[in-house]
Amino acid sequence: MPENKSELTKLGRRTLLKAGMAGAACALARQRLAFTQAPKERPNILFLMSDQHRGDCMGCADNRAIKTPNMDRLASEGIRFTSAYSCTPSCTPARAALLTGMSPWRNGMLGYHKVAPKYPVEMPQLLRDAGYYTFGIGKMHWTPQRCLHGFHRTVLDESSRELTVDFRSDYRSWFFSQAPNLNPDATGILWNDYRSKTYVLPERLHPTTWTGDTAVHFLETYTNPEPFFLKVSFARPHSPYDPPQRWMDAYSDTDLPPAAVGKWAERYRERSDDSFQIWHGDMGAEQVRSSRQGYYGSVSFVDEQIGRILEVLEKRGLLERTLIVYTSDHGDMTGDHHLWRKSYAYEPSAHIPMLMRVPKMLEGGGGGRVQPEPVELRDLLPTFADAAGAPIPEGVDGMSLLNLARGKTDGWRPWIDLEHDICYSKENHWSALTDGREKYIFHAIDGEEQFFDLEKDPQELQDLASDPTHAERVRTWRNRLIEHLSPRGEEYVSVGKLALRPESNLLSPNYPGPGKEEKPL
């Protein structure tokens, strides 16, 4: 929030230049009203996220094999949203939904592409304008990497994405200051590798440790008078699956879940290529277990850092003055249905964790509540705006999760839309809908439909699309998808039917700026 009249005047002048005299005057009046109506004391906002964390890999999600005591604590003291999804389940389009609060068509990214440098609505800028000090730590995955989108400051871990000679992430710079003669990639497995391996360097040099350390230091030393919005974004458990030795050992004798493989997935049994970064292939039960050992260890390592962060909040008396949300950008197939990586409509890829701990200063504390309503990454921007006492901007598609926390379920969406443009191969191109109990998938290359009863078959082993006893349900969901896609034109719905889309349509007309396709990472 601007601290004085001069700053508010500057804000108004910027708005006048952008929107025109009449419209800007109204906009400025609304901003003044929002500032005066904001509560005297607003919560800090701690946004914790990881990369590629599938929704069933938490103890609180009834996974008895994995060790996530701190995520489980957030669930037991807060709310777990059991039908949380990533609308476009790969890194950058998911982060565009987070940043803007908009659906894929509205933010313009229908598949893997660069997050635009500027959007009409951006989460950090909204909270900064509402009077928050905004700070980001870890993986943002923006282009250019130093783009702030309204953050006062970011301290970055962009992993191996040193894409230009003039960029090195803050983690990498710190690494070389600590270990100038070591290679941060010495473990030797690749960014989308299906293999796992124990981290070969000292644990204190691991990027997960660095992200946790940086967050702890921020919280230990924060003394600004304004509330903070702190985003802590871990680059793991995204491959490489490289936890330190102690977390790899923690799962050496654990009975880890084997790969779930439906009969419909036979087409994915053959390896997509001979590399270590395949997107499909039956690698055998032993490899699946090895991959999951490293993946589970990576999840637990992130969970441990979350515990350190919660400990600092408690020590400083900030826990009940801070709204905490944990989620991930998308999941990870880890061999289910012979698939690897992400970008698919199936549960391991699209279903994500979503935990929210509401402090006592806000209405709607959880205490171990479970909410079944379909929620999505686009809901976080309006949630944080709601907590900050700021208006939710026009054009935002998301809804405040605090409404569900307050018990206001009337008017909540009955289902959520999912989609992904061509990724890895033309056969991986789809649109889908789900309410968390059923899921309908339309494959754009050939019109194949899939339908799953998630309540009876959460692992999606039985494709019911061709089962006559489910024909009416399939028809209902198909018509919903037709209605959802119709506004996009004949490329999506032609003569009242879902149209085939054999070619890529990576960006919608709403993408803010020119772009071109790039190879998915």
Protein backbone atom coordinates (compact mmCIF):
# COMPACT_ATOMS: atom_id res chain seq x y z
CA MET A 1 0.00 0.00 0.00
CA PRO A 2 1.38 3.48 -0.83
CA GLU A 3 2.67 5.01 2.41
CA ASN A 4 1.68 8.59 1.61
CA LYS A 5 -0.43 10.75 -0.64
CA SER A 6 2.48 11.37 -3.01
CA GLU A 7 2.89 7.65 -3.72
CA LEU A 8 -0.86 7.26 -4.25
CA THR A 9 -0.75 10.18 -6.69
CA LYS A 10 2.03 8.49 -8.65
CA LEU A 11 -0.06 5.31 -8.77
CA GLY A 12 -2.96 7.35 -10.07
CA ARG A 13 -0.85 8.98 -12.77
CA ARG A 14 0.35 5.62 -14.02
CA THR A 15 -3.24 4.41 -14.16
CA LEU A 16 -4.35 7.58 -16.00
CA LEU A 17 -1.75 7.09 -18.67
CA LYS A 18 -2.74 3.46 -19.16
CA ALA A 19 -6.50 3.51 -19.00
CA GLY A 20 -7.52 7.02 -20.15
CA MET A 21 -8.84 9.88 -18.08
CA ALA A 22 -12.39 8.76 -17.30
CA GLY A 23 -11.70 5.09 -16.75
CA ALA A 24 -8.59 5.82 -14.71
CA ALA A 25 -10.42 8.16 -12.40
CA CYS A 26 -12.82 5.32 -11.57
CA ALA A 27 -9.93 2.90 -11.17
CA LEU A 28 -8.13 5.25 -8.81
CA ALA A 29 -11.30 5.73 -6.78
CA ARG A 30 -11.67 1.96 -6.46
CA GLN A 31 -8.04 1.65 -5.33
CA ARG A 32 -8.54 4.36 -2.70
CA LEU A 33 -11.67 2.59 -1.51
CA ALA A 34 -9.83 -0.73 -1.39
CA PHE A 35 -7.01 0.78 0.69
CA THR A 36 -9.42 2.44 3.14
CA GLN A 37 -11.52 -0.73 3.46
CA ALA A 38 -8.56 -3.04 4.03
CA PRO A 39 -8.44 -4.37 7.61
CA LYS A 40 -6.10 -2.56 10.00
CA GLU A 41 -4.08 -5.72 10.52
CA ARG A 42 -3.61 -8.05 7.61
CA PRO A 43 -1.89 -11.43 7.66
CA ASN A 44 1.48 -12.17 6.25
CA ILE A 45 1.21 -14.53 3.29
CA LEU A 46 3.61 -17.45 2.95
CA PHE A 47 3.30 -19.22 -0.38
CA LEU A 48 5.20 -22.51 -0.37
CA MET A 49 5.45 -24.48 -3.58
CA SER A 50 7.49 -27.25 -5.08
CA ASP A 51 7.97 -28.45 -8.64
CA GLN A 52 6.40 -31.66 -9.94
CA HIS A 53 4.87 -32.97 -6.69
CA ARG A 54 2.07 -35.42 -7.44
CA GLY A 55 -0.97 -35.08 -5.24
CA ASP A 56 -0.92 -38.59 -3.77
CA CYS A 57 2.61 -38.30 -2.37
CA MET A 58 1.82 -36.97 1.10
CA GLY A 59 1.03 -38.84 4.27
CA CYS A 60 -2.13 -36.77 4.72
CA ALA A 61 -3.27 -38.02 1.28
CA ASP A 62 -3.35 -41.57 2.70
CA ASN A 63 0.05 -42.52 1.34
CA ARG A 64 1.49 -44.72 4.09
CA ALA A 65 4.89 -45.06 2.46
CA ILE A 66 5.96 -41.42 2.29
CA LYS A 67 7.30 -39.31 5.15
CA THR A 68 5.86 -35.77 5.05
CA PRO A 69 5.23 -34.76 8.68
CA ASN A 70 5.27 -31.03 8.00
CA MET A 71 2.88 -31.12 5.07
CA ASP A 72 0.72 -33.40 7.22
CA ARG A 73 0.87 -30.77 9.95
CA LEU A 74 -0.41 -28.08 7.58
CA ALA A 75 -3.26 -30.41 6.68
CA SER A 76 -4.09 -31.29 10.29
CA GLU A 77 -4.04 -27.63 11.37
CA GLY A 78 -5.64 -26.34 8.20
CA ILE A 79 -7.51 -27.47 5.11
CA ARG A 80 -6.61 -30.08 2.49
CA PHE A 81 -8.26 -29.62 -0.88
CA THR A 82 -8.66 -33.13 -2.23
CA SER A 83 -9.64 -32.16 -5.80
CA ALA A 84 -6.82 -29.74 -6.61
CA TYR A 85 -5.55 -29.67 -10.18
CA SER A 86 -3.05 -28.01 -12.47
CA CYS A 87 -5.03 -26.68 -15.43
CA THR A 88 -2.12 -27.07 -17.89
CA PRO A 89 0.20 -29.51 -16.15
CA SER A 90 3.68 -28.48 -17.21
CA CYS A 91 5.97 -25.92 -15.64
CA THR A 92 5.48 -22.60 -17.43
CA PRO A 93 1.74 -22.66 -18.25
CA ALA A 94 1.00 -23.70 -14.68
CA ARG A 95 3.07 -20.77 -13.45
CA ALA A 96 1.19 -18.43 -15.80
CA ALA A 97 -2.05 -19.54 -14.12
CA LEU A 98 -0.48 -18.89 -10.71
CA LEU A 99 0.81 -15.49 -11.73
CA THR A 100 -2.40 -14.22 -13.34
CA GLY A 101 -5.28 -16.07 -11.68
CA MET A 102 -6.53 -16.78 -15.19
CA SER A 103 -7.47 -19.92 -17.11
CA PRO A 104 -5.25 -21.11 -19.98
CA TRP A 105 -7.31 -19.42 -22.70
CA ARG A 106 -7.44 -16.17 -20.76
CA ASN A 107 -3.71 -16.01 -19.91
CA GLY A 108 -2.86 -17.23 -23.40
CA MET A 109 -0.71 -20.29 -22.66
CA LEU A 110 -2.27 -23.57 -23.82
CA GLY A 111 0.95 -25.55 -23.49
CA TYR A 112 4.64 -25.22 -22.70
CA HIS A 113 5.86 -21.74 -23.69
CA LYS A 114 7.55 -18.74 -22.14
CA VAL A 115 5.73 -16.90 -19.39
CA ALA A 116 5.17 -13.42 -20.84
CA PRO A 117 7.16 -10.52 -19.34
CA LYS A 118 3.99 -8.62 -18.42
CA TYR A 119 0.30 -9.41 -17.80
CA PRO A 120 -2.61 -7.11 -16.99
CA VAL A 121 -2.92 -8.80 -13.58
CA GLU A 122 0.04 -10.26 -11.68
CA MET A 123 0.04 -11.74 -8.19
CA PRO A 124 3.17 -10.04 -6.74
CA GLN A 125 2.22 -6.65 -8.19
CA LEU A 126 -1.31 -6.89 -6.83
CA LEU A 127 -0.02 -7.61 -3.33
CA ARG A 128 2.65 -4.94 -3.60
CA ASP A 129 -0.01 -2.40 -4.55
CA ALA A 130 -2.02 -3.57 -1.54
CA GLY A 131 0.84 -2.64 0.79
CA TYR A 132 2.79 -5.88 1.09
CA TYR A 133 6.54 -6.33 0.91
CA THR A 134 6.90 -8.97 -1.81
CA PHE A 135 9.87 -11.34 -1.92
CA GLY A 136 10.45 -14.47 -4.02
CA ILE A 137 12.91 -17.28 -3.37
CA GLY A 138 13.82 -20.20 -5.63
CA LYS A 139 12.40 -21.26 -8.96
CA MET A 140 10.21 -18.75 -10.80
CA HIS A 141 10.75 -20.10 -14.35
CA TRP A 142 10.07 -16.75 -15.97
CA THR A 143 11.51 -15.17 -19.09
CA PRO A 144 13.64 -13.15 -18.67
CA GLN A 145 14.62 -14.79 -15.42
CA ARG A 146 15.16 -11.45 -13.67
CA CYS A 147 11.68 -10.23 -14.52
CA LEU A 148 10.06 -9.29 -11.19
CA HIS A 149 6.32 -9.17 -12.05
CA GLY A 150 5.87 -6.91 -9.04
CA PHE A 151 8.20 -8.56 -6.53
CA HIS A 152 10.37 -6.09 -4.67
CA ARG A 153 13.13 -8.67 -5.03
CA THR A 154 13.73 -12.27 -6.07
CA VAL A 155 16.60 -14.59 -5.16
CA LEU A 156 16.63 -17.28 -7.82
CA ASP A 157 17.39 -20.95 -8.26
CA GLU A 158 16.74 -21.65 -11.92
CA SER A 159 18.60 -24.96 -11.74
CA SER A 160 20.61 -25.60 -14.90
CA ARG A 161 18.85 -22.84 -16.88
CA GLU A 162 21.90 -20.68 -17.42
CA LEU A 163 20.55 -19.96 -20.86
CA THR A 164 22.63 -16.89 -21.66
CA VAL A 165 26.11 -15.71 -20.87
CA ASP A 166 24.70 -12.79 -18.87
CA PHE A 167 22.56 -14.85 -16.49
CA ARG A 168 23.54 -17.04 -13.58
CA SER A 169 21.04 -17.88 -10.87
CA ASP A 170 21.67 -16.68 -7.34
CA TYR A 171 21.93 -20.27 -6.16
CA ARG A 172 24.64 -21.01 -8.72
CA SER A 173 26.56 -17.87 -7.77
CA TRP A 174 26.33 -18.86 -4.10
CA PHE A 175 27.40 -22.41 -4.96
CA PHE A 176 30.59 -21.23 -6.69
CA SER A 177 31.34 -18.87 -3.81
CA GLN A 178 31.19 -21.85 -1.46
CA ALA A 179 32.73 -24.51 -3.68
CA PRO A 180 34.61 -22.86 -6.57
CA ASN A 181 36.28 -26.12 -7.59
CA LEU A 182 33.13 -28.28 -7.63
CA ASN A 183 30.53 -28.91 -10.34
CA PRO A 184 26.91 -28.28 -9.20
CA ASP A 185 25.80 -30.97 -11.69
CA ALA A 186 28.32 -33.56 -10.50
CA THR A 187 25.63 -36.10 -9.60
CA GLY A 188 25.34 -36.70 -13.34
CA ILE A 189 21.62 -37.27 -13.96
CA LEU A 190 19.60 -35.07 -16.28
CA TRP A 191 16.86 -32.51 -15.74
CA ASN A 192 14.10 -34.85 -17.05
CA ASP A 193 15.87 -38.12 -16.27
CA TYR A 194 13.88 -41.15 -15.10
CA ARG A 195 16.85 -42.42 -13.09
CA SER A 196 17.63 -41.53 -9.48
CA LYS A 197 20.95 -41.16 -7.71
CA THR A 198 22.17 -39.98 -4.33
CA TYR A 199 23.44 -36.40 -4.35
CA VAL A 200 27.22 -36.74 -4.51
CA LEU A 201 28.15 -33.36 -3.04
CA PRO A 202 27.88 -32.19 0.58
CA GLU A 203 24.23 -31.82 1.56
CA ARG A 204 24.63 -28.15 2.46
CA LEU A 205 25.27 -27.42 -1.25
CA HIS A 206 22.01 -29.01 -2.44
CA PRO A 207 19.56 -26.52 -4.00
CA THR A 208 16.80 -27.73 -1.69
CA THR A 209 18.96 -26.86 1.33
CA TRP A 210 19.81 -23.47 -0.18
CA THR A 211 16.16 -22.62 -0.77
CA GLY A 212 15.25 -23.62 2.78
CA ASP A 213 18.22 -21.69 4.22
CA THR A 214 17.32 -18.55 2.27
CA ALA A 215 13.69 -18.67 3.42
CA VAL A 216 14.75 -19.19 7.04
CA HIS A 217 17.17 -16.24 6.85
CA PHE A 218 14.45 -14.00 5.41
CA LEU A 219 12.01 -14.88 8.18
CA GLU A 220 14.61 -14.59 10.94
CA THR A 221 15.60 -11.09 9.88
CA TYR A 222 12.36 -9.55 8.56
CA THR A 223 11.62 -6.29 10.42
CA ASN A 224 9.69 -4.20 7.89
CA PRO A 225 6.51 -2.60 9.23
CA GLU A 226 4.36 -3.87 6.36
CA PRO A 227 3.15 -7.50 6.11
CA PHE A 228 5.16 -9.74 3.82
CA PHE A 229 4.22 -11.87 0.84
CA LEU A 230 6.95 -14.52 0.69
CA LYS A 231 7.01 -17.06 -2.11
CA VAL A 232 9.33 -20.01 -1.47
CA SER A 233 9.60 -22.15 -4.60
CA PHE A 234 11.59 -25.40 -4.44
CA ALA A 235 13.00 -26.85 -7.67
CA ARG A 236 12.51 -30.43 -6.39
CA PRO A 237 11.05 -33.08 -6.40
CA HIS A 238 11.29 -32.42 -10.16
CA SER A 239 14.02 -34.61 -11.57
CA PRO A 240 16.88 -35.08 -11.13
CA TYR A 241 15.74 -37.34 -8.30
CA ASP A 242 18.83 -36.67 -6.22
CA PRO A 243 18.14 -36.51 -2.47
CA PRO A 244 21.05 -36.65 -0.01
CA GLN A 245 22.17 -40.05 1.21
CA ARG A 246 20.10 -40.03 4.40
CA TRP A 247 16.84 -39.44 2.50
CA MET A 248 17.70 -42.03 -0.12
CA ASP A 249 18.41 -44.47 2.72
CA ALA A 250 15.10 -43.59 4.40
CA TYR A 251 13.29 -45.40 1.58
CA SER A 252 15.75 -48.24 0.97
CA ASP A 253 13.51 -50.82 2.65
CA THR A 254 10.14 -49.11 2.25
CA ASP A 255 7.36 -50.90 0.41
CA LEU A 256 6.85 -48.24 -2.27
CA PRO A 257 3.75 -48.35 -4.50
CA PRO A 258 4.39 -50.12 -7.81
CA ALA A 259 3.42 -48.49 -11.09
CA ALA A 260 -0.31 -48.46 -11.80
CA VAL A 261 -0.89 -49.56 -15.39
CA GLY A 262 -4.29 -49.75 -17.07
CA LYS A 263 -4.93 -51.99 -20.07
CA TRP A 264 -5.52 -48.85 -22.13
CA ALA A 265 -1.86 -47.86 -21.52
CA GLU A 266 -0.41 -50.73 -23.55
CA ARG A 267 0.34 -48.25 -26.35
CA TYR A 268 2.91 -46.61 -24.07
CA ARG A 269 4.85 -49.77 -23.22
CA GLU A 270 7.54 -49.28 -25.85
CA ARG A 271 10.20 -46.67 -25.08
CA SER A 272 9.67 -43.33 -26.79
CA ASP A 273 13.43 -43.12 -27.49
CA ASP A 274 16.77 -44.41 -26.25
CA SER A 275 17.60 -41.47 -24.01
CA PHE A 276 17.30 -41.15 -20.23
CA GLN A 277 14.59 -38.51 -20.72
CA ILE A 278 11.86 -40.64 -22.28
CA TRP A 279 8.21 -39.66 -22.00
CA HIS A 280 6.90 -43.22 -22.19
CA GLY A 281 8.23 -46.74 -21.81
CA ASP A 282 7.99 -49.81 -19.59
CA MET A 283 11.26 -49.70 -17.69
CA GLY A 284 10.38 -52.59 -15.38
CA ALA A 285 9.37 -52.78 -11.74
CA GLU A 286 12.93 -52.45 -10.44
CA GLN A 287 13.55 -49.17 -12.28
CA VAL A 288 10.18 -47.78 -11.19
CA ARG A 289 11.04 -48.55 -7.59
CA SER A 290 14.49 -46.98 -7.92
CA SER A 291 13.03 -43.85 -9.52
CA ARG A 292 10.39 -43.58 -6.80
CA GLN A 293 12.96 -44.06 -4.06
CA GLY A 294 14.75 -40.93 -5.27
CA TYR A 295 11.46 -39.11 -5.87
CA TYR A 296 10.06 -39.91 -2.43
CA GLY A 297 13.36 -38.90 -0.86
CA SER A 298 13.22 -35.59 -2.73
CA VAL A 299 9.67 -34.94 -1.50
CA SER A 300 10.70 -35.65 2.09
CA PHE A 301 13.72 -33.38 1.75
CA VAL A 302 11.44 -30.51 0.67
CA ASP A 303 9.08 -31.35 3.55
CA GLU A 304 11.98 -31.08 5.97
CA GLN A 305 12.72 -27.55 4.78
CA ILE A 306 9.06 -26.63 5.26
CA GLY A 307 9.42 -27.80 8.85
CA ARG A 308 12.36 -25.46 9.35
CA ILE A 309 10.32 -22.56 7.95
CA LEU A 310 7.37 -23.32 10.26
CA GLU A 311 9.74 -23.47 13.21
CA VAL A 312 10.98 -19.94 12.52
CA LEU A 313 7.42 -18.63 12.25
CA GLU A 314 6.64 -20.15 15.65
CA LYS A 315 9.78 -18.78 17.29
CA ARG A 316 9.01 -15.28 16.04
CA GLY A 317 5.34 -15.45 17.01
CA LEU A 318 4.23 -15.16 13.39
CA LEU A 319 2.43 -18.47 12.89
CA GLU A 320 -1.02 -17.14 13.80
CA ARG A 321 -0.41 -13.99 11.80
CA THR A 322 0.48 -15.78 8.57
CA LEU A 323 -1.70 -17.39 5.91
CA ILE A 324 0.20 -20.43 4.59
CA VAL A 325 -0.49 -22.24 1.32
CA TYR A 326 1.44 -25.21 -0.06
CA THR A 327 1.01 -26.52 -3.60
CA SER A 328 2.92 -27.57 -6.71
CA ASP A 329 2.80 -26.62 -10.38
CA HIS A 330 1.96 -30.18 -11.54
CA GLY A 331 2.65 -33.81 -10.73
CA ASP A 332 4.94 -36.58 -12.02
CA MET A 333 3.91 -39.88 -13.61
CA THR A 334 7.00 -41.76 -12.29
CA GLY A 335 6.14 -44.76 -14.48
CA ASP A 336 2.36 -45.00 -13.97
CA HIS A 337 0.71 -46.22 -17.19
CA HIS A 338 4.24 -46.51 -18.65
CA LEU A 339 4.43 -42.68 -18.67
CA TRP A 340 7.14 -40.41 -17.32
CA ARG A 341 7.41 -36.69 -16.64
CA LYS A 342 4.21 -34.58 -16.92
CA SER A 343 1.81 -32.73 -19.29
CA TYR A 344 -0.86 -35.46 -19.20
CA ALA A 345 -4.49 -35.35 -18.06
CA TYR A 346 -4.00 -38.36 -15.77
CA GLU A 347 -4.03 -38.01 -11.98
CA PRO A 348 -0.28 -38.40 -11.28
CA SER A 349 0.40 -35.51 -13.69
CA ALA A 350 -2.59 -33.17 -13.20
CA HIS A 351 -3.67 -33.77 -9.58
CA ILE A 352 -1.60 -31.69 -7.16
CA PRO A 353 -1.30 -31.04 -3.41
CA MET A 354 -3.20 -28.03 -2.07
CA LEU A 355 -2.91 -27.26 1.64
CA MET A 356 -3.95 -24.05 3.39
CA ARG A 357 -3.40 -23.08 7.02
CA VAL A 358 -5.60 -20.14 7.98
CA PRO A 359 -4.31 -18.10 10.95
CA LYS A 360 -6.54 -17.25 13.90
CA MET A 361 -6.72 -13.61 12.81
CA LEU A 362 -8.73 -14.69 9.75
CA GLU A 363 -12.12 -16.37 9.61
CA GLY A 364 -12.27 -20.01 8.54
CA GLY A 365 -9.47 -21.85 10.31
CA GLY A 366 -9.27 -25.50 9.32
CA GLY A 367 -8.32 -27.94 12.02
CA GLY A 368 -7.97 -30.92 9.72
CA ARG A 369 -10.81 -30.12 7.34
CA VAL A 370 -11.07 -31.72 3.94
CA GLN A 371 -12.67 -29.82 1.07
CA PRO A 372 -13.75 -31.86 -1.98
CA GLU A 373 -14.61 -28.95 -4.30
CA PRO A 374 -12.51 -28.73 -7.49
CA VAL A 375 -9.82 -26.09 -7.07
CA GLU A 376 -6.95 -25.03 -9.24
CA LEU A 377 -3.78 -22.92 -9.35
CA ARG A 378 -5.72 -19.94 -10.71
CA ASP A 379 -7.50 -19.76 -7.33
CA LEU A 380 -4.42 -18.61 -5.42
CA LEU A 381 -4.26 -15.04 -6.70
CA PRO A 382 -7.85 -14.26 -5.60
CA THR A 383 -7.21 -16.10 -2.33
CA PHE A 384 -4.24 -13.89 -1.51
CA ALA A 385 -6.08 -10.77 -2.66
CA ASP A 386 -8.94 -11.72 -0.35
CA ALA A 387 -6.58 -12.17 2.59
CA ALA A 388 -4.93 -8.82 1.84
CA GLY A 389 -8.24 -6.97 1.73
CA ALA A 390 -7.62 -6.08 -1.92
CA PRO A 391 -10.27 -6.24 -4.66
CA ILE A 392 -10.08 -9.19 -7.04
CA PRO A 393 -9.42 -7.65 -10.47
CA GLU A 394 -11.76 -8.07 -13.39
CA GLY A 395 -10.66 -10.81 -15.77
CA VAL A 396 -9.50 -13.16 -13.02
CA ASP A 397 -11.04 -16.63 -13.44
CA GLY A 398 -10.00 -18.03 -10.07
CA MET A 399 -12.02 -17.98 -6.86
CA SER A 400 -10.87 -17.33 -3.32
CA LEU A 401 -10.22 -20.49 -1.34
CA LEU A 402 -11.00 -18.47 1.77
CA ASN A 403 -14.66 -18.62 0.75
CA LEU A 404 -14.51 -22.40 1.10
CA ALA A 405 -12.68 -21.95 4.40
CA ARG A 406 -15.56 -19.77 5.59
CA GLY A 407 -18.07 -22.44 4.57
CA LYS A 408 -19.37 -20.49 1.58
CA THR A 409 -19.70 -23.29 -0.96
CA ASP A 410 -22.73 -21.93 -2.83
CA GLY A 411 -21.78 -20.87 -6.33
CA TRP A 412 -18.50 -22.79 -6.37
CA ARG A 413 -17.62 -24.25 -9.77
CA PRO A 414 -18.99 -27.78 -10.35
CA TRP A 415 -15.93 -28.87 -12.37
CA ILE A 416 -12.55 -27.59 -13.56
CA ASP A 417 -11.16 -27.45 -17.10
CA LEU A 418 -7.77 -28.94 -18.00
CA GLU A 419 -5.82 -28.95 -21.27
CA HIS A 420 -2.39 -29.20 -22.86
CA ASP A 421 -1.23 -28.41 -26.35
CA ILE A 422 1.09 -30.83 -28.18
CA CYS A 423 3.94 -31.91 -25.93
CA TYR A 424 6.60 -34.54 -26.72
CA SER A 425 4.46 -35.91 -29.58
CA LYS A 426 1.29 -35.01 -31.51
CA GLU A 427 -0.53 -37.85 -29.76
CA ASN A 428 -0.12 -36.01 -26.44
CA HIS A 429 -2.62 -33.19 -27.10
CA TRP A 430 -5.85 -33.08 -25.15
CA SER A 431 -8.66 -31.23 -23.36
CA ALA A 432 -10.37 -32.53 -20.22
CA LEU A 433 -12.85 -31.79 -17.45
CA THR A 434 -13.07 -33.18 -13.94
CA ASP A 435 -14.94 -32.60 -10.70
CA GLY A 436 -12.57 -34.80 -8.71
CA ARG A 437 -15.01 -37.71 -8.85
CA GLU A 438 -15.15 -38.31 -12.60
CA LYS A 439 -12.89 -37.29 -15.46
CA TYR A 440 -13.51 -36.91 -19.18
CA ILE A 441 -10.59 -36.60 -21.63
CA PHE A 442 -10.74 -35.72 -25.34
CA HIS A 443 -7.63 -36.48 -27.39
CA ALA A 444 -7.34 -33.80 -30.04
CA ILE A 445 -5.32 -35.74 -32.62
CA ASP A 446 -7.93 -38.41 -33.33
CA GLY A 447 -10.99 -37.70 -31.16
CA GLU A 448 -10.45 -40.62 -28.79
CA GLU A 449 -12.35 -40.23 -25.53
CA GLN A 450 -11.48 -41.54 -22.09
CA PHE A 451 -13.69 -41.58 -19.02
CA PHE A 452 -12.69 -42.54 -15.49
CA ASP A 453 -14.67 -43.01 -12.30
CA LEU A 454 -12.15 -41.53 -9.87
CA GLU A 455 -14.13 -42.45 -6.76
CA LYS A 456 -14.08 -46.16 -7.55
CA ASP A 457 -10.89 -46.16 -9.60
CA PRO A 458 -8.51 -43.41 -8.38
CA GLN A 459 -5.59 -44.94 -10.29
CA GLU A 460 -7.51 -44.71 -13.60
CA LEU A 461 -7.04 -48.37 -14.43
CA GLN A 462 -10.43 -48.77 -16.16
CA ASP A 463 -11.24 -46.56 -19.12
CA LEU A 464 -15.06 -46.55 -19.23
CA ALA A 465 -15.53 -44.42 -22.33
CA SER A 466 -16.73 -47.34 -24.46
CA ASP A 467 -18.73 -49.02 -21.69
CA PRO A 468 -22.44 -48.81 -22.66
CA THR A 469 -23.46 -48.51 -19.00
CA HIS A 470 -21.58 -45.21 -18.80
CA ALA A 471 -22.66 -43.80 -22.17
CA GLU A 472 -24.96 -41.21 -20.60
CA ARG A 473 -22.25 -39.94 -18.25
CA VAL A 474 -19.78 -39.71 -21.14
CA ARG A 475 -22.35 -37.77 -23.16
CA THR A 476 -22.93 -35.37 -20.28
CA TRP A 477 -19.23 -34.61 -19.91
CA ARG A 478 -18.73 -34.35 -23.68
CA ASN A 479 -21.49 -31.75 -23.87
CA ARG A 480 -19.91 -29.83 -21.01
CA LEU A 481 -16.60 -29.74 -22.88
CA ILE A 482 -18.38 -28.63 -26.07
CA GLU A 483 -19.98 -25.79 -24.15
CA HIS A 484 -16.66 -24.85 -22.56
CA LEU A 485 -14.71 -24.81 -25.84
CA SER A 486 -17.39 -23.34 -28.13
CA PRO A 487 -16.45 -19.69 -27.53
CA ARG A 488 -13.02 -20.42 -29.04
CA GLY A 489 -14.51 -21.00 -32.50
CA GLU A 490 -14.66 -23.71 -35.13
CA GLU A 491 -11.10 -24.84 -34.56
CA TYR A 492 -12.36 -26.32 -31.28
CA VAL A 493 -16.07 -26.98 -31.89
CA SER A 494 -17.45 -27.47 -35.39
CA VAL A 495 -21.10 -28.15 -36.22
CA GLY A 496 -21.80 -28.78 -32.55
CA LYS A 497 -19.08 -31.41 -32.18
CA LEU A 498 -15.59 -31.42 -30.71
CA ALA A 499 -13.18 -30.75 -33.58
CA LEU A 500 -9.96 -32.63 -34.20
CA ARG A 501 -6.84 -30.53 -33.68
CA PRO A 502 -3.94 -32.38 -35.32
CA GLU A 503 -1.71 -29.29 -35.29
CA SER A 504 -0.40 -27.20 -32.42
CA ASN A 505 -2.21 -24.12 -31.19
CA LEU A 506 0.19 -23.19 -28.43
CA LEU A 507 -1.01 -19.65 -27.72
CA SER A 508 -4.49 -18.17 -27.54
CA PRO A 509 -5.22 -14.66 -28.87
CA ASN A 510 -5.01 -13.43 -25.26
CA TYR A 511 -1.28 -14.11 -24.90
CA PRO A 512 0.21 -10.67 -24.20
CA GLY A 513 2.85 -10.38 -26.89
CA PRO A 514 4.40 -12.29 -29.79
CA GLY A 515 5.83 -15.74 -29.23
CA LYS A 516 7.05 -18.83 -30.95
CA GLU A 517 7.11 -22.50 -30.12
CA GLU A 518 9.97 -23.92 -28.17
CA LYS A 519 10.91 -27.45 -27.28
CA PRO A 520 9.26 -28.61 -24.03
CA LEU A 521 11.71 -29.10 -21.17
